[in-house]
């Protein structure tokens, strides 16, 4: 008897923004020091990036520029 071949299921990950399940091979990923996050596309990445920019406090220069 011939064994039945079945396709291997590819690992799925959730988009960080919209939570859509996408194959890990097609997900865009942004790496940080301690974790990796996945996005289903550039639109969700841009939305995440904008949220990060809004949440981060504005950095003040350590030394005022001399005139």
PDB file of N, CA and C in Angstrom:
ATOM      1  N   UNK A   1       0.838  -1.172   0.000  1.00  0.00           N
ATOM      2  CA  UNK A   1       0.000   0.000   0.000  1.00  0.00           C
ATOM      3  C   UNK A   1       0.891   1.247   0.000  1.00  0.00           C
ATOM      4  N   UNK A   2       0.537   2.193  -0.834  1.00  0.00           N
ATOM      5  CA  UNK A   2       1.306   3.427  -0.963  1.00  0.00           C
ATOM      6  C   UNK A   2       0.868   4.428   0.101  1.00  0.00           C
ATOM      7  N   UNK A   3       1.838   5.031   0.819  1.00  0.00           N
ATOM      8  CA  UNK A   3       1.444   6.030   1.821  1.00  0.00           C
ATOM      9  C   UNK A   3       0.871   7.274   1.154  1.00  0.00           C
ATOM     10  N   UNK A   4      -0.070   7.889   1.820  1.00  0.00           N
ATOM     11  CA  UNK A   4      -0.697   9.105   1.308  1.00  0.00           C
ATOM     12  C   UNK A   4       0.201  10.285   1.660  1.00  0.00           C
ATOM     13  N   UNK A   5       0.540  11.064   0.630  1.00  0.00           N
ATOM     14  CA  UNK A   5       1.350  12.250   0.906  1.00  0.00           C
ATOM     15  C   UNK A   5       0.425  13.424   1.209  1.00  0.00           C
ATOM     16  N   UNK A   6       0.764  14.136   2.240  1.00  0.00           N
ATOM     17  CA  UNK A   6      -0.024  15.291   2.655  1.00  0.00           C
ATOM     18  C   UNK A   6       0.880  16.506   2.680  1.00  0.00           C
ATOM     19  N   UNK A   7       0.344  17.648   2.288  1.00  0.00           N
ATOM     20  CA  UNK A   7       1.171  18.861   2.334  1.00  0.00           C
ATOM     21  C   UNK A   7       1.525  19.205   3.780  1.00  0.00           C
ATOM     22  N   UNK A   8       2.711  19.709   3.950  1.00  0.00           N
ATOM     23  CA  UNK A   8       3.145  20.133   5.282  1.00  0.00           C
ATOM     24  C   UNK A   8       2.546  21.498   5.561  1.00  0.00           C
ATOM     25  N   UNK A   9       1.893  21.607   6.713  1.00  0.00           N
ATOM     26  CA  UNK A   9       1.290  22.890   7.075  1.00  0.00           C
ATOM     27  C   UNK A   9       2.385  23.865   7.477  1.00  0.00           C
ATOM     28  N   UNK A  10       2.347  25.040   6.868  1.00  0.00           N
ATOM     29  CA  UNK A  10       3.332  26.062   7.175  1.00  0.00           C
ATOM     30  C   UNK A  10       2.930  26.795   8.444  1.00  0.00           C
ATOM     31  N   UNK A  11       3.911  27.140   9.249  1.00  0.00           N
ATOM     32  CA  UNK A  11       3.644  27.849  10.490  1.00  0.00           C
ATOM     33  C   UNK A  11       3.019  29.207  10.200  1.00  0.00           C
ATOM     34  N   UNK A  12       1.998  29.549  10.969  1.00  0.00           N
ATOM     35  CA  UNK A  12       1.293  30.826  10.828  1.00  0.00           C
ATOM     36  C   UNK A  12       1.680  31.745  11.983  1.00  0.00           C
ATOM     37  N   UNK A  13       1.714  33.038  11.702  1.00  0.00           N
ATOM     38  CA  UNK A  13       1.951  34.049  12.739  1.00  0.00           C
ATOM     39  C   UNK A  13       0.885  35.122  12.597  1.00  0.00           C
ATOM     40  N   UNK A  14       0.621  35.808  13.688  1.00  0.00           N
ATOM     41  CA  UNK A  14      -0.381  36.876  13.669  1.00  0.00           C
ATOM     42  C   UNK A  14       0.305  38.214  13.430  1.00  0.00           C
ATOM     43  N   UNK A  15      -0.311  39.034  12.593  1.00  0.00           N
ATOM     44  CA  UNK A  15       0.169  40.396  12.360  1.00  0.00           C
ATOM     45  C   UNK A  15       0.048  41.176  13.660  1.00  0.00           C
ATOM     46  N   UNK A  16       1.058  41.954  13.996  1.00  0.00           N
ATOM     47  CA  UNK A  16       1.077  42.728  15.237  1.00  0.00           C
ATOM     48  C   UNK A  16      -0.044  43.765  15.287  1.00  0.00           C
ATOM     49  N   UNK A  17      -0.495  44.270  14.155  1.00  0.00           N
ATOM     50  CA  UNK A  17      -1.502  45.327  14.115  1.00  0.00           C
ATOM     51  C   UNK A  17      -2.915  44.779  13.937  1.00  0.00           C
ATOM     52  N   UNK A  18      -3.160  44.052  12.846  1.00  0.00           N
ATOM     53  CA  UNK A  18      -4.528  43.620  12.533  1.00  0.00           C
ATOM     54  C   UNK A  18      -4.838  42.196  12.992  1.00  0.00           C
ATOM     55  N   UNK A  19      -3.823  41.480  13.501  1.00  0.00           N
ATOM     56  CA  UNK A  19      -3.959  40.115  14.012  1.00  0.00           C
ATOM     57  C   UNK A  19      -4.320  39.089  12.937  1.00  0.00           C
ATOM     58  N   UNK A  20      -4.206  39.446  11.665  1.00  0.00           N
ATOM     59  CA  UNK A  20      -4.462  38.518  10.569  1.00  0.00           C
ATOM     60  C   UNK A  20      -3.395  37.425  10.584  1.00  0.00           C
ATOM     61  N   UNK A  21      -3.808  36.173  10.434  1.00  0.00           N
ATOM     62  CA  UNK A  21      -2.873  35.056  10.388  1.00  0.00           C
ATOM     63  C   UNK A  21      -2.263  34.982   8.993  1.00  0.00           C
ATOM     64  N   UNK A  22      -0.938  34.967   8.940  1.00  0.00           N
ATOM     65  CA  UNK A  22      -0.219  34.874   7.667  1.00  0.00           C
ATOM     66  C   UNK A  22       0.882  33.833   7.798  1.00  0.00           C
ATOM     67  N   UNK A  23       1.251  33.171   6.683  1.00  0.00           N
ATOM     68  CA  UNK A  23       2.363  32.227   6.743  1.00  0.00           C
ATOM     69  C   UNK A  23       3.640  32.961   7.138  1.00  0.00           C
ATOM     70  N   UNK A  24       4.440  32.330   7.965  1.00  0.00           N
ATOM     71  CA  UNK A  24       5.648  32.985   8.450  1.00  0.00           C
ATOM     72  C   UNK A  24       6.594  33.349   7.308  1.00  0.00           C
ATOM     73  N   UNK A  25       6.554  32.595   6.215  1.00  0.00           N
ATOM     74  CA  UNK A  25       7.437  32.883   5.085  1.00  0.00           C
ATOM     75  C   UNK A  25       7.037  34.162   4.349  1.00  0.00           C
ATOM     76  N   UNK A  26       5.788  34.606   4.506  1.00  0.00           N
ATOM     77  CA  UNK A  26       5.315  35.805   3.815  1.00  0.00           C
ATOM     78  C   UNK A  26       5.213  37.010   4.734  1.00  0.00           C
ATOM     79  N   UNK A  27       5.418  36.821   6.021  1.00  0.00           N
ATOM     80  CA  UNK A  27       5.291  37.915   6.979  1.00  0.00           C
ATOM     81  C   UNK A  27       6.527  38.797   6.934  1.00  0.00           C
ATOM     82  N   UNK A  28       6.301  40.081   7.062  1.00  0.00           N
ATOM     83  CA  UNK A  28       7.401  41.026   7.214  1.00  0.00           C
ATOM     84  C   UNK A  28       7.734  41.031   8.697  1.00  0.00           C
ATOM     85  N   UNK A  29       8.986  41.172   9.044  1.00  0.00           N
ATOM     86  CA  UNK A  29       9.301  41.156  10.468  1.00  0.00           C
ATOM     87  C   UNK A  29      10.226  42.301  10.822  1.00  0.00           C
ATOM     88  N   UNK A  30       9.992  42.841  11.997  1.00  0.00           N
ATOM     89  CA  UNK A  30      10.852  43.888  12.547  1.00  0.00           C
ATOM     90  C   UNK A  30      11.482  43.310  13.802  1.00  0.00           C
ATOM     91  N   UNK A  31      12.791  43.378  13.890  1.00  0.00           N
ATOM     92  CA  UNK A  31      13.479  42.796  15.028  1.00  0.00           C
ATOM     93  C   UNK A  31      13.903  43.882  16.002  1.00  0.00           C
ATOM     94  N   UNK A  32      13.735  43.586  17.256  1.00  0.00           N
ATOM     95  CA  UNK A  32      14.211  44.461  18.317  1.00  0.00           C
ATOM     96  C   UNK A  32      15.231  43.661  19.120  1.00  0.00           C
ATOM     97  N   UNK A  33      15.693  44.219  20.200  1.00  0.00           N
ATOM     98  CA  UNK A  33      16.718  43.529  20.969  1.00  0.00           C
ATOM     99  C   UNK A  33      16.221  42.214  21.566  1.00  0.00           C
ATOM    100  N   UNK A  34      15.005  42.189  22.084  1.00  0.00           N
ATOM    101  CA  UNK A  34      14.551  41.013  22.811  1.00  0.00           C
ATOM    102  C   UNK A  34      13.383  40.269  22.178  1.00  0.00           C
ATOM    103  N   UNK A  35      12.849  40.747  21.078  1.00  0.00           N
ATOM    104  CA  UNK A  35      11.690  40.078  20.502  1.00  0.00           C
ATOM    105  C   UNK A  35      11.597  40.364  19.008  1.00  0.00           C
ATOM    106  N   UNK A  36      10.761  39.578  18.336  1.00  0.00           N
ATOM    107  CA  UNK A  36      10.509  39.752  16.913  1.00  0.00           C
ATOM    108  C   UNK A  36       9.011  39.920  16.745  1.00  0.00           C
ATOM    109  N   UNK A  37       8.593  40.873  15.928  1.00  0.00           N
ATOM    110  CA  UNK A  37       7.169  41.044  15.648  1.00  0.00           C
ATOM    111  C   UNK A  37       6.953  40.920  14.153  1.00  0.00           C
ATOM    112  N   UNK A  38       5.788  40.455  13.766  1.00  0.00           N
ATOM    113  CA  UNK A  38       5.476  40.203  12.359  1.00  0.00           C
ATOM    114  C   UNK A  38       4.342  41.099  11.899  1.00  0.00           C
ATOM    115  N   UNK A  39       4.369  41.437  10.616  1.00  0.00           N
ATOM    116  CA  UNK A  39       3.340  42.260   9.987  1.00  0.00           C
ATOM    117  C   UNK A  39       2.902  41.588   8.699  1.00  0.00           C
ATOM    118  N   UNK A  40       1.613  41.722   8.360  1.00  0.00           N
ATOM    119  CA  UNK A  40       1.103  41.098   7.138  1.00  0.00           C
ATOM    120  C   UNK A  40       1.487  41.894   5.897  1.00  0.00           C
ATOM    121  N   UNK A  41       1.886  43.135   6.066  1.00  0.00           N
ATOM    122  CA  UNK A  41       2.282  43.948   4.918  1.00  0.00           C
ATOM    123  C   UNK A  41       2.815  45.303   5.349  1.00  0.00           C
ATOM    124  N   UNK A  42       3.152  46.096   4.375  1.00  0.00           N
ATOM    125  CA  UNK A  42       3.746  47.398   4.654  1.00  0.00           C
ATOM    126  C   UNK A  42       2.771  48.373   5.310  1.00  0.00           C
ATOM    127  N   UNK A  43       1.478  48.251   5.009  1.00  0.00           N
ATOM    128  CA  UNK A  43       0.489  49.144   5.627  1.00  0.00           C
ATOM    129  C   UNK A  43       0.455  48.953   7.146  1.00  0.00           C
ATOM    130  N   UNK A  44       0.442  47.708   7.590  1.00  0.00           N
ATOM    131  CA  UNK A  44       0.422  47.439   9.028  1.00  0.00           C
ATOM    132  C   UNK A  44       1.748  47.835   9.661  1.00  0.00           C
ATOM    133  N   UNK A  45       2.849  47.624   8.964  1.00  0.00           N
ATOM    134  CA  UNK A  45       4.144  48.050   9.499  1.00  0.00           C
ATOM    135  C   UNK A  45       4.174  49.568   9.677  1.00  0.00           C
ATOM    136  N   UNK A  46       3.676  50.302   8.683  1.00  0.00           N
ATOM    137  CA  UNK A  46       3.658  51.765   8.759  1.00  0.00           C
ATOM    138  C   UNK A  46       2.779  52.232   9.927  1.00  0.00           C
ATOM    139  N   UNK A  47       1.641  51.569  10.139  1.00  0.00           N
ATOM    140  CA  UNK A  47       0.759  51.934  11.253  1.00  0.00           C
ATOM    141  C   UNK A  47       1.464  51.681  12.582  1.00  0.00           C
ATOM    142  N   UNK A  48       2.160  50.551  12.703  1.00  0.00           N
ATOM    143  CA  UNK A  48       2.897  50.244  13.925  1.00  0.00           C
ATOM    144  C   UNK A  48       4.007  51.264  14.154  1.00  0.00           C
ATOM    145  N   UNK A  49       4.730  51.585  13.088  1.00  0.00           N
ATOM    146  CA  UNK A  49       5.835  52.539  13.190  1.00  0.00           C
ATOM    147  C   UNK A  49       5.329  53.909  13.665  1.00  0.00           C
ATOM    148  N   UNK A  50       4.177  54.328  13.134  1.00  0.00           N
ATOM    149  CA  UNK A  50       3.589  55.607  13.524  1.00  0.00           C
ATOM    150  C   UNK A  50       3.201  55.587  15.009  1.00  0.00           C
ATOM    151  N   UNK A  51       2.633  54.471  15.463  1.00  0.00           N
ATOM    152  CA  UNK A  51       2.280  54.349  16.883  1.00  0.00           C
ATOM    153  C   UNK A  51       3.530  54.458  17.756  1.00  0.00           C
ATOM    154  N   UNK A  52       4.609  53.821  17.330  1.00  0.00           N
ATOM    155  CA  UNK A  52       5.847  53.861  18.098  1.00  0.00           C
ATOM    156  C   UNK A  52       6.396  55.282  18.173  1.00  0.00           C
ATOM    157  N   UNK A  53       6.324  56.000  17.055  1.00  0.00           N
ATOM    158  CA  UNK A  53       6.816  57.373  17.034  1.00  0.00           C
ATOM    159  C   UNK A  53       5.984  58.281  17.936  1.00  0.00           C
ATOM    160  N   UNK A  54       4.674  58.056  17.979  1.00  0.00           N
ATOM    161  CA  UNK A  54       3.792  58.871  18.807  1.00  0.00           C
ATOM    162  C   UNK A  54       3.976  58.568  20.290  1.00  0.00           C
ATOM    163  N   UNK A  55       4.277  57.314  20.627  1.00  0.00           N
ATOM    164  CA  UNK A  55       4.428  56.920  22.020  1.00  0.00           C
ATOM    165  C   UNK A  55       5.782  57.312  22.593  1.00  0.00           C
ATOM    166  N   UNK A  56       6.799  57.401  21.759  1.00  0.00           N
ATOM    167  CA  UNK A  56       8.143  57.726  22.234  1.00  0.00           C
ATOM    168  C   UNK A  56       8.215  59.205  22.600  1.00  0.00           C
ATOM    169  N   UNK A  57       8.760  59.500  23.766  1.00  0.00           N
ATOM    170  CA  UNK A  57       8.906  60.917  24.128  1.00  0.00           C
ATOM    171  C   UNK A  57       9.934  61.589  23.226  1.00  0.00           C
ATOM    172  N   UNK A  58       9.710  62.841  22.954  1.00  0.00           N
ATOM    173  CA  UNK A  58      10.641  63.577  22.098  1.00  0.00           C
ATOM    174  C   UNK A  58      11.975  63.683  22.824  1.00  0.00           C
ATOM    175  N   UNK A  59      13.024  63.300  22.156  1.00  0.00           N
ATOM    176  CA  UNK A  59      14.353  63.352  22.773  1.00  0.00           C
ATOM    177  C   UNK A  59      14.893  64.772  22.680  1.00  0.00           C
ATOM    178  N   UNK A  60      15.426  65.220  23.782  1.00  0.00           N
ATOM    179  CA  UNK A  60      16.020  66.554  23.815  1.00  0.00           C
ATOM    180  C   UNK A  60      17.513  66.408  23.622  1.00  0.00           C
ATOM    181  N   UNK A  61      18.125  67.325  22.899  1.00  0.00           N
ATOM    182  CA  UNK A  61      19.578  67.235  22.726  1.00  0.00           C
ATOM    183  C   UNK A  61      20.276  67.393  24.079  1.00  0.00           C
ATOM    184  N   UNK A  62      21.364  66.653  24.290  1.00  0.00           N
ATOM    185  CA  UNK A  62      22.096  66.711  25.543  1.00  0.00           C
ATOM    186  C   UNK A  62      22.732  68.067  25.750  1.00  0.00           C
ATOM    187  N   UNK A  63      23.212  68.662  24.665  1.00  0.00           N
ATOM    188  CA  UNK A  63      23.866  69.965  24.732  1.00  0.00           C
ATOM    189  C   UNK A  63      23.218  70.867  23.686  1.00  0.00           C
ATOM    190  N   UNK A  64      22.895  72.079  24.091  1.00  0.00           N
ATOM    191  CA  UNK A  64      22.300  73.017  23.150  1.00  0.00           C
ATOM    192  C   UNK A  64      23.329  73.374  22.080  1.00  0.00           C
ATOM    193  N   UNK A  65      22.931  73.432  20.821  1.00  0.00           N
ATOM    194  CA  UNK A  65      23.883  73.789  19.770  1.00  0.00           C
ATOM    195  C   UNK A  65      24.387  75.215  19.962  1.00  0.00           C
ATOM    196  N   UNK A  66      25.684  75.408  19.748  1.00  0.00           N
ATOM    197  CA  UNK A  66      26.248  76.751  19.876  1.00  0.00           C
ATOM    198  C   UNK A  66      26.048  77.528  18.591  1.00  0.00           C
ATOM    199  N   UNK A  67      25.829  78.795  18.770  1.00  0.00           N
ATOM    200  CA  UNK A  67      25.562  79.649  17.601  1.00  0.00           C
ATOM    201  C   UNK A  67      26.798  80.299  17.105  1.00  0.00           C
TER     202      UNK A  67
END
